[in-house]
Amino acid sequence: MTPRLNPFAAAPALMQSWLDFGKGILQSGLEDSLMELVKLTLLSVAINGWNRIPTGFRAVHPVEGGNVQGRNL
């Protein structure tokens, strides 16, 4: 198995700036609902970034060879 990348060892300055950014948001005095919105926005950016990675997988349902209620997956 290939060992996972340790981002703190690979780019310590970049990771420190990431941590400082997170601490700055927490100490900014924003109201809780706005902070949750910021967290959700950053999470959606991360998820959408992973969505850009091309994969060669094809989803096939184990029952009926992928045909689920008339839809092909």
PDB file of N, CA and C in Angstrom:
ATOM      1  N   MET A   1       0.833  -1.170   0.000  1.00  0.00           N
ATOM      2  CA  MET A   1       0.000   0.000   0.000  1.00  0.00           C
ATOM      3  C   MET A   1       0.890   1.249   0.000  1.00  0.00           C
ATOM      4  N   THR A   2       0.511   2.231  -0.774  1.00  0.00           N
ATOM      5  CA  THR A   2       1.262   3.479  -0.854  1.00  0.00           C
ATOM      6  C   THR A   2       0.939   4.350   0.355  1.00  0.00           C
ATOM      7  N   PRO A   3       1.969   4.876   1.037  1.00  0.00           N
ATOM      8  CA  PRO A   3       1.685   5.734   2.186  1.00  0.00           C
ATOM      9  C   PRO A   3       1.010   7.033   1.747  1.00  0.00           C
ATOM     10  N   ARG A   4       0.132   7.542   2.613  1.00  0.00           N
ATOM     11  CA  ARG A   4      -0.582   8.772   2.306  1.00  0.00           C
ATOM     12  C   ARG A   4       0.330   9.972   2.479  1.00  0.00           C
ATOM     13  N   LEU A   5       0.065  11.000   1.717  1.00  0.00           N
ATOM     14  CA  LEU A   5       0.836  12.237   1.790  1.00  0.00           C
ATOM     15  C   LEU A   5       0.520  12.969   3.089  1.00  0.00           C
ATOM     16  N   ASN A   6       1.539  13.413   3.776  1.00  0.00           N
ATOM     17  CA  ASN A   6       1.369  14.251   4.960  1.00  0.00           C
ATOM     18  C   ASN A   6       1.511  15.702   4.512  1.00  0.00           C
ATOM     19  N   PRO A   7       0.412  16.457   4.414  1.00  0.00           N
ATOM     20  CA  PRO A   7       0.502  17.824   3.899  1.00  0.00           C
ATOM     21  C   PRO A   7       1.333  18.739   4.792  1.00  0.00           C
ATOM     22  N   PHE A   8       1.391  18.461   6.092  1.00  0.00           N
ATOM     23  CA  PHE A   8       2.187  19.294   6.983  1.00  0.00           C
ATOM     24  C   PHE A   8       3.687  19.101   6.734  1.00  0.00           C
ATOM     25  N   ALA A   9       4.082  17.915   6.305  1.00  0.00           N
ATOM     26  CA  ALA A   9       5.486  17.671   5.980  1.00  0.00           C
ATOM     27  C   ALA A   9       5.809  18.164   4.569  1.00  0.00           C
ATOM     28  N   ALA A  10       4.852  18.048   3.647  1.00  0.00           N
ATOM     29  CA  ALA A  10       5.092  18.428   2.250  1.00  0.00           C
ATOM     30  C   ALA A  10       5.109  19.937   2.057  1.00  0.00           C
ATOM     31  N   ALA A  11       4.217  20.653   2.741  1.00  0.00           N
ATOM     32  CA  ALA A  11       4.124  22.110   2.559  1.00  0.00           C
ATOM     33  C   ALA A  11       3.762  22.754   3.900  1.00  0.00           C
ATOM     34  N   PRO A  12       4.716  22.822   4.816  1.00  0.00           N
ATOM     35  CA  PRO A  12       4.396  23.326   6.159  1.00  0.00           C
ATOM     36  C   PRO A  12       3.915  24.778   6.170  1.00  0.00           C
ATOM     37  N   ALA A  13       4.481  25.632   5.331  1.00  0.00           N
ATOM     38  CA  ALA A  13       4.074  27.041   5.319  1.00  0.00           C
ATOM     39  C   ALA A  13       2.634  27.191   4.823  1.00  0.00           C
ATOM     40  N   LEU A  14       2.297  26.447   3.780  1.00  0.00           N
ATOM     41  CA  LEU A  14       0.941  26.506   3.241  1.00  0.00           C
ATOM     42  C   LEU A  14      -0.070  25.987   4.264  1.00  0.00           C
ATOM     43  N   MET A  15       0.245  24.888   4.935  1.00  0.00           N
ATOM     44  CA  MET A  15      -0.666  24.335   5.930  1.00  0.00           C
ATOM     45  C   MET A  15      -0.807  25.262   7.133  1.00  0.00           C
ATOM     46  N   GLN A  16       0.285  25.941   7.496  1.00  0.00           N
ATOM     47  CA  GLN A  16       0.202  26.892   8.604  1.00  0.00           C
ATOM     48  C   GLN A  16      -0.701  28.067   8.235  1.00  0.00           C
ATOM     49  N   SER A  17      -0.621  28.525   6.979  1.00  0.00           N
ATOM     50  CA  SER A  17      -1.504  29.612   6.553  1.00  0.00           C
ATOM     51  C   SER A  17      -2.959  29.150   6.532  1.00  0.00           C
ATOM     52  N   TRP A  18      -3.200  27.886   6.179  1.00  0.00           N
ATOM     53  CA  TRP A  18      -4.559  27.323   6.195  1.00  0.00           C
ATOM     54  C   TRP A  18      -5.098  27.332   7.633  1.00  0.00           C
ATOM     55  N   LEU A  19      -4.277  26.882   8.596  1.00  0.00           N
ATOM     56  CA  LEU A  19      -4.691  26.865   9.992  1.00  0.00           C
ATOM     57  C   LEU A  19      -4.928  28.277  10.517  1.00  0.00           C
ATOM     58  N   ASP A  20      -4.061  29.211  10.141  1.00  0.00           N
ATOM     59  CA  ASP A  20      -4.237  30.595  10.567  1.00  0.00           C
ATOM     60  C   ASP A  20      -5.527  31.185  10.011  1.00  0.00           C
ATOM     61  N   PHE A  21      -5.861  30.828   8.780  1.00  0.00           N
ATOM     62  CA  PHE A  21      -7.110  31.292   8.179  1.00  0.00           C
ATOM     63  C   PHE A  21      -8.303  30.774   8.978  1.00  0.00           C
ATOM     64  N   GLY A  22      -8.276  29.490   9.315  1.00  0.00           N
ATOM     65  CA  GLY A  22      -9.360  28.915  10.099  1.00  0.00           C
ATOM     66  C   GLY A  22      -9.495  29.559  11.469  1.00  0.00           C
ATOM     67  N   LYS A  23      -8.366  29.805  12.123  1.00  0.00           N
ATOM     68  CA  LYS A  23      -8.401  30.462  13.432  1.00  0.00           C
ATOM     69  C   LYS A  23      -8.910  31.892  13.305  1.00  0.00           C
ATOM     70  N   GLY A  24      -8.549  32.555  12.221  1.00  0.00           N
ATOM     71  CA  GLY A  24      -9.009  33.925  11.997  1.00  0.00           C
ATOM     72  C   GLY A  24     -10.515  33.999  11.836  1.00  0.00           C
ATOM     73  N   ILE A  25     -11.076  33.022  11.145  1.00  0.00           N
ATOM     74  CA  ILE A  25     -12.531  32.989  10.989  1.00  0.00           C
ATOM     75  C   ILE A  25     -13.205  32.799  12.341  1.00  0.00           C
ATOM     76  N   LEU A  26     -12.660  31.895  13.168  1.00  0.00           N
ATOM     77  CA  LEU A  26     -13.252  31.643  14.480  1.00  0.00           C
ATOM     78  C   LEU A  26     -13.166  32.860  15.393  1.00  0.00           C
ATOM     79  N   GLN A  27     -12.099  33.647  15.257  1.00  0.00           N
ATOM     80  CA  GLN A  27     -11.890  34.797  16.118  1.00  0.00           C
ATOM     81  C   GLN A  27     -12.441  36.089  15.525  1.00  0.00           C
ATOM     82  N   SER A  28     -13.114  36.007  14.399  1.00  0.00           N
ATOM     83  CA  SER A  28     -13.575  37.215  13.710  1.00  0.00           C
ATOM     84  C   SER A  28     -14.789  37.855  14.363  1.00  0.00           C
ATOM     85  N   GLY A  29     -15.507  37.108  15.176  1.00  0.00           N
ATOM     86  CA  GLY A  29     -16.687  37.656  15.822  1.00  0.00           C
ATOM     87  C   GLY A  29     -17.939  37.594  14.964  1.00  0.00           C
ATOM     88  N   LEU A  30     -17.885  36.813  13.884  1.00  0.00           N
ATOM     89  CA  LEU A  30     -19.073  36.643  13.058  1.00  0.00           C
ATOM     90  C   LEU A  30     -20.137  35.888  13.835  1.00  0.00           C
ATOM     91  N   GLU A  31     -21.386  36.139  13.517  1.00  0.00           N
ATOM     92  CA  GLU A  31     -22.450  35.397  14.180  1.00  0.00           C
ATOM     93  C   GLU A  31     -22.398  33.937  13.729  1.00  0.00           C
ATOM     94  N   ASP A  32     -22.937  33.062  14.555  1.00  0.00           N
ATOM     95  CA  ASP A  32     -22.820  31.614  14.341  1.00  0.00           C
ATOM     96  C   ASP A  32     -23.415  31.171  13.011  1.00  0.00           C
ATOM     97  N   SER A  33     -24.558  31.714  12.622  1.00  0.00           N
ATOM     98  CA  SER A  33     -25.186  31.276  11.374  1.00  0.00           C
ATOM     99  C   SER A  33     -24.318  31.638  10.168  1.00  0.00           C
ATOM    100  N   LEU A  34     -23.654  32.792  10.226  1.00  0.00           N
ATOM    101  CA  LEU A  34     -22.780  33.190   9.119  1.00  0.00           C
ATOM    102  C   LEU A  34     -21.524  32.319   9.085  1.00  0.00           C
ATOM    103  N   MET A  35     -21.016  31.950  10.261  1.00  0.00           N
ATOM    104  CA  MET A  35     -19.848  31.054  10.290  1.00  0.00           C
ATOM    105  C   MET A  35     -20.188  29.691   9.731  1.00  0.00           C
ATOM    106  N   GLU A  36     -21.376  29.191  10.023  1.00  0.00           N
ATOM    107  CA  GLU A  36     -21.796  27.913   9.459  1.00  0.00           C
ATOM    108  C   GLU A  36     -21.910  28.011   7.939  1.00  0.00           C
ATOM    109  N   LEU A  37     -22.371  29.144   7.441  1.00  0.00           N
ATOM    110  CA  LEU A  37     -22.450  29.349   5.994  1.00  0.00           C
ATOM    111  C   LEU A  37     -21.059  29.336   5.365  1.00  0.00           C
ATOM    112  N   VAL A  38     -20.093  29.940   6.031  1.00  0.00           N
ATOM    113  CA  VAL A  38     -18.710  29.933   5.532  1.00  0.00           C
ATOM    114  C   VAL A  38     -18.181  28.503   5.509  1.00  0.00           C
ATOM    115  N   LYS A  39     -18.433  27.733   6.570  1.00  0.00           N
ATOM    116  CA  LYS A  39     -17.972  26.348   6.620  1.00  0.00           C
ATOM    117  C   LYS A  39     -18.601  25.512   5.506  1.00  0.00           C
ATOM    118  N   LEU A  40     -19.908  25.694   5.289  1.00  0.00           N
ATOM    119  CA  LEU A  40     -20.578  24.945   4.225  1.00  0.00           C
ATOM    120  C   LEU A  40     -20.054  25.328   2.855  1.00  0.00           C
ATOM    121  N   THR A  41     -19.743  26.607   2.673  1.00  0.00           N
ATOM    122  CA  THR A  41     -19.200  27.058   1.395  1.00  0.00           C
ATOM    123  C   THR A  41     -17.842  26.419   1.137  1.00  0.00           C
ATOM    124  N   LEU A  42     -16.981  26.416   2.147  1.00  0.00           N
ATOM    125  CA  LEU A  42     -15.663  25.794   1.980  1.00  0.00           C
ATOM    126  C   LEU A  42     -15.780  24.299   1.749  1.00  0.00           C
ATOM    127  N   LEU A  43     -16.727  23.648   2.428  1.00  0.00           N
ATOM    128  CA  LEU A  43     -16.942  22.218   2.223  1.00  0.00           C
ATOM    129  C   LEU A  43     -17.417  21.933   0.809  1.00  0.00           C
ATOM    130  N   SER A  44     -18.335  22.752   0.300  1.00  0.00           N
ATOM    131  CA  SER A  44     -18.834  22.525  -1.060  1.00  0.00           C
ATOM    132  C   SER A  44     -17.740  22.758  -2.096  1.00  0.00           C
ATOM    133  N   VAL A  45     -16.849  23.711  -1.834  1.00  0.00           N
ATOM    134  CA  VAL A  45     -15.724  23.928  -2.746  1.00  0.00           C
ATOM    135  C   VAL A  45     -14.825  22.697  -2.776  1.00  0.00           C
ATOM    136  N   ALA A  46     -14.575  22.105  -1.605  1.00  0.00           N
ATOM    137  CA  ALA A  46     -13.736  20.906  -1.545  1.00  0.00           C
ATOM    138  C   ALA A  46     -14.400  19.737  -2.260  1.00  0.00           C
ATOM    139  N   ILE A  47     -15.695  19.554  -2.032  1.00  0.00           N
ATOM    140  CA  ILE A  47     -16.406  18.447  -2.684  1.00  0.00           C
ATOM    141  C   ILE A  47     -16.419  18.643  -4.193  1.00  0.00           C
ATOM    142  N   ASN A  48     -16.691  19.848  -4.650  1.00  0.00           N
ATOM    143  CA  ASN A  48     -16.710  20.098  -6.081  1.00  0.00           C
ATOM    144  C   ASN A  48     -15.325  19.962  -6.704  1.00  0.00           C
ATOM    145  N   GLY A  49     -14.294  20.247  -5.922  1.00  0.00           N
ATOM    146  CA  GLY A  49     -12.935  20.046  -6.421  1.00  0.00           C
ATOM    147  C   GLY A  49     -12.661  18.582  -6.671  1.00  0.00           C
ATOM    148  N   TRP A  50     -13.124  17.707  -5.765  1.00  0.00           N
ATOM    149  CA  TRP A  50     -12.970  16.270  -5.963  1.00  0.00           C
ATOM    150  C   TRP A  50     -13.823  15.782  -7.114  1.00  0.00           C
ATOM    151  N   ASN A  51     -14.916  16.462  -7.369  1.00  0.00           N
ATOM    152  CA  ASN A  51     -15.820  16.072  -8.440  1.00  0.00           C
ATOM    153  C   ASN A  51     -15.160  16.244  -9.818  1.00  0.00           C
ATOM    154  N   ARG A  52     -14.136  17.054  -9.903  1.00  0.00           N
ATOM    155  CA  ARG A  52     -13.457  17.317 -11.172  1.00  0.00           C
ATOM    156  C   ARG A  52     -12.488  16.203 -11.577  1.00  0.00           C
ATOM    157  N   ILE A  53     -12.197  15.306 -10.640  1.00  0.00           N
ATOM    158  CA  ILE A  53     -11.231  14.246 -10.915  1.00  0.00           C
ATOM    159  C   ILE A  53     -11.895  13.189 -11.786  1.00  0.00           C
ATOM    160  N   PRO A  54     -11.328  12.914 -12.961  1.00  0.00           N
ATOM    161  CA  PRO A  54     -11.949  11.913 -13.832  1.00  0.00           C
ATOM    162  C   PRO A  54     -11.764  10.504 -13.272  1.00  0.00           C
ATOM    163  N   THR A  55     -12.814   9.748 -13.284  1.00  0.00           N
ATOM    164  CA  THR A  55     -12.740   8.362 -12.822  1.00  0.00           C
ATOM    165  C   THR A  55     -13.273   7.441 -13.903  1.00  0.00           C
ATOM    166  N   GLY A  56     -12.820   6.230 -13.889  1.00  0.00           N
ATOM    167  CA  GLY A  56     -13.252   5.261 -14.879  1.00  0.00           C
ATOM    168  C   GLY A  56     -14.217   4.248 -14.325  1.00  0.00           C
ATOM    169  N   PHE A  57     -14.925   4.596 -13.260  1.00  0.00           N
ATOM    170  CA  PHE A  57     -15.850   3.657 -12.639  1.00  0.00           C
ATOM    171  C   PHE A  57     -17.232   3.793 -13.268  1.00  0.00           C
ATOM    172  N   ARG A  58     -17.925   2.695 -13.328  1.00  0.00           N
ATOM    173  CA  ARG A  58     -19.292   2.718 -13.823  1.00  0.00           C
ATOM    174  C   ARG A  58     -20.172   2.057 -12.771  1.00  0.00           C
ATOM    175  N   ALA A  59     -21.206   2.754 -12.359  1.00  0.00           N
ATOM    176  CA  ALA A  59     -22.092   2.234 -11.325  1.00  0.00           C
ATOM    177  C   ALA A  59     -23.050   1.234 -11.939  1.00  0.00           C
ATOM    178  N   VAL A  60     -23.052   0.048 -11.393  1.00  0.00           N
ATOM    179  CA  VAL A  60     -23.978  -0.986 -11.840  1.00  0.00           C
ATOM    180  C   VAL A  60     -24.645  -1.561 -10.606  1.00  0.00           C
ATOM    181  N   HIS A  61     -25.948  -1.538 -10.587  1.00  0.00           N
ATOM    182  CA  HIS A  61     -26.697  -2.081  -9.465  1.00  0.00           C
ATOM    183  C   HIS A  61     -26.550  -3.603  -9.486  1.00  0.00           C
ATOM    184  N   PRO A  62     -26.345  -4.215  -8.316  1.00  0.00           N
ATOM    185  CA  PRO A  62     -26.125  -5.661  -8.305  1.00  0.00           C
ATOM    186  C   PRO A  62     -27.364  -6.471  -8.697  1.00  0.00           C
ATOM    187  N   VAL A  63     -28.538  -5.859  -8.654  1.00  0.00           N
ATOM    188  CA  VAL A  63     -29.770  -6.548  -9.022  1.00  0.00           C
ATOM    189  C   VAL A  63     -30.172  -6.096 -10.422  1.00  0.00           C
ATOM    190  N   GLU A  64     -30.501  -6.999 -11.260  1.00  0.00           N
ATOM    191  CA  GLU A  64     -31.007  -6.728 -12.602  1.00  0.00           C
ATOM    192  C   GLU A  64     -29.979  -6.040 -13.509  1.00  0.00           C
ATOM    193  N   GLY A  65     -28.732  -6.219 -13.258  1.00  0.00           N
ATOM    194  CA  GLY A  65     -27.696  -5.696 -14.147  1.00  0.00           C
ATOM    195  C   GLY A  65     -27.698  -4.197 -14.326  1.00  0.00           C
ATOM    196  N   GLY A  66     -28.092  -3.462 -13.307  1.00  0.00           N
ATOM    197  CA  GLY A  66     -28.055  -2.012 -13.368  1.00  0.00           C
ATOM    198  C   GLY A  66     -29.391  -1.369 -13.689  1.00  0.00           C
ATOM    199  N   ASN A  67     -30.405  -2.150 -13.995  1.00  0.00           N
ATOM    200  CA  ASN A  67     -31.707  -1.584 -14.295  1.00  0.00           C
ATOM    201  C   ASN A  67     -32.524  -1.490 -13.012  1.00  0.00           C
ATOM    202  N   VAL A  68     -32.707  -0.279 -12.516  1.00  0.00           N
ATOM    203  CA  VAL A  68     -33.436  -0.032 -11.276  1.00  0.00           C
ATOM    204  C   VAL A  68     -34.683   0.785 -11.618  1.00  0.00           C
ATOM    205  N   GLN A  69     -35.830   0.213 -11.485  1.00  0.00           N
ATOM    206  CA  GLN A  69     -37.106   0.868 -11.766  1.00  0.00           C
ATOM    207  C   GLN A  69     -37.115   1.533 -13.141  1.00  0.00           C
ATOM    208  N   GLY A  70     -36.617   0.832 -14.102  1.00  0.00           N
ATOM    209  CA  GLY A  70     -36.651   1.326 -15.473  1.00  0.00           C
ATOM    210  C   GLY A  70     -35.540   2.274 -15.836  1.00  0.00           C
ATOM    211  N   ARG A  71     -34.621   2.561 -14.891  1.00  0.00           N
ATOM    212  CA  ARG A  71     -33.511   3.473 -15.177  1.00  0.00           C
ATOM    213  C   ARG A  71     -32.219   2.690 -15.263  1.00  0.00           C
ATOM    214  N   ASN A  72     -31.383   3.034 -16.188  1.00  0.00           N
ATOM    215  CA  ASN A  72     -30.054   2.443 -16.252  1.00  0.00           C
ATOM    216  C   ASN A  72     -29.089   3.369 -15.535  1.00  0.00           C
ATOM    217  N   LEU A  73     -28.319   2.802 -14.644  1.00  0.00           N
ATOM    218  CA  LEU A  73     -27.329   3.601 -13.918  1.00  0.00           C
ATOM    219  C   LEU A  73     -26.077   3.759 -14.727  1.00  0.00           C
TER     220      LEU A  73
END
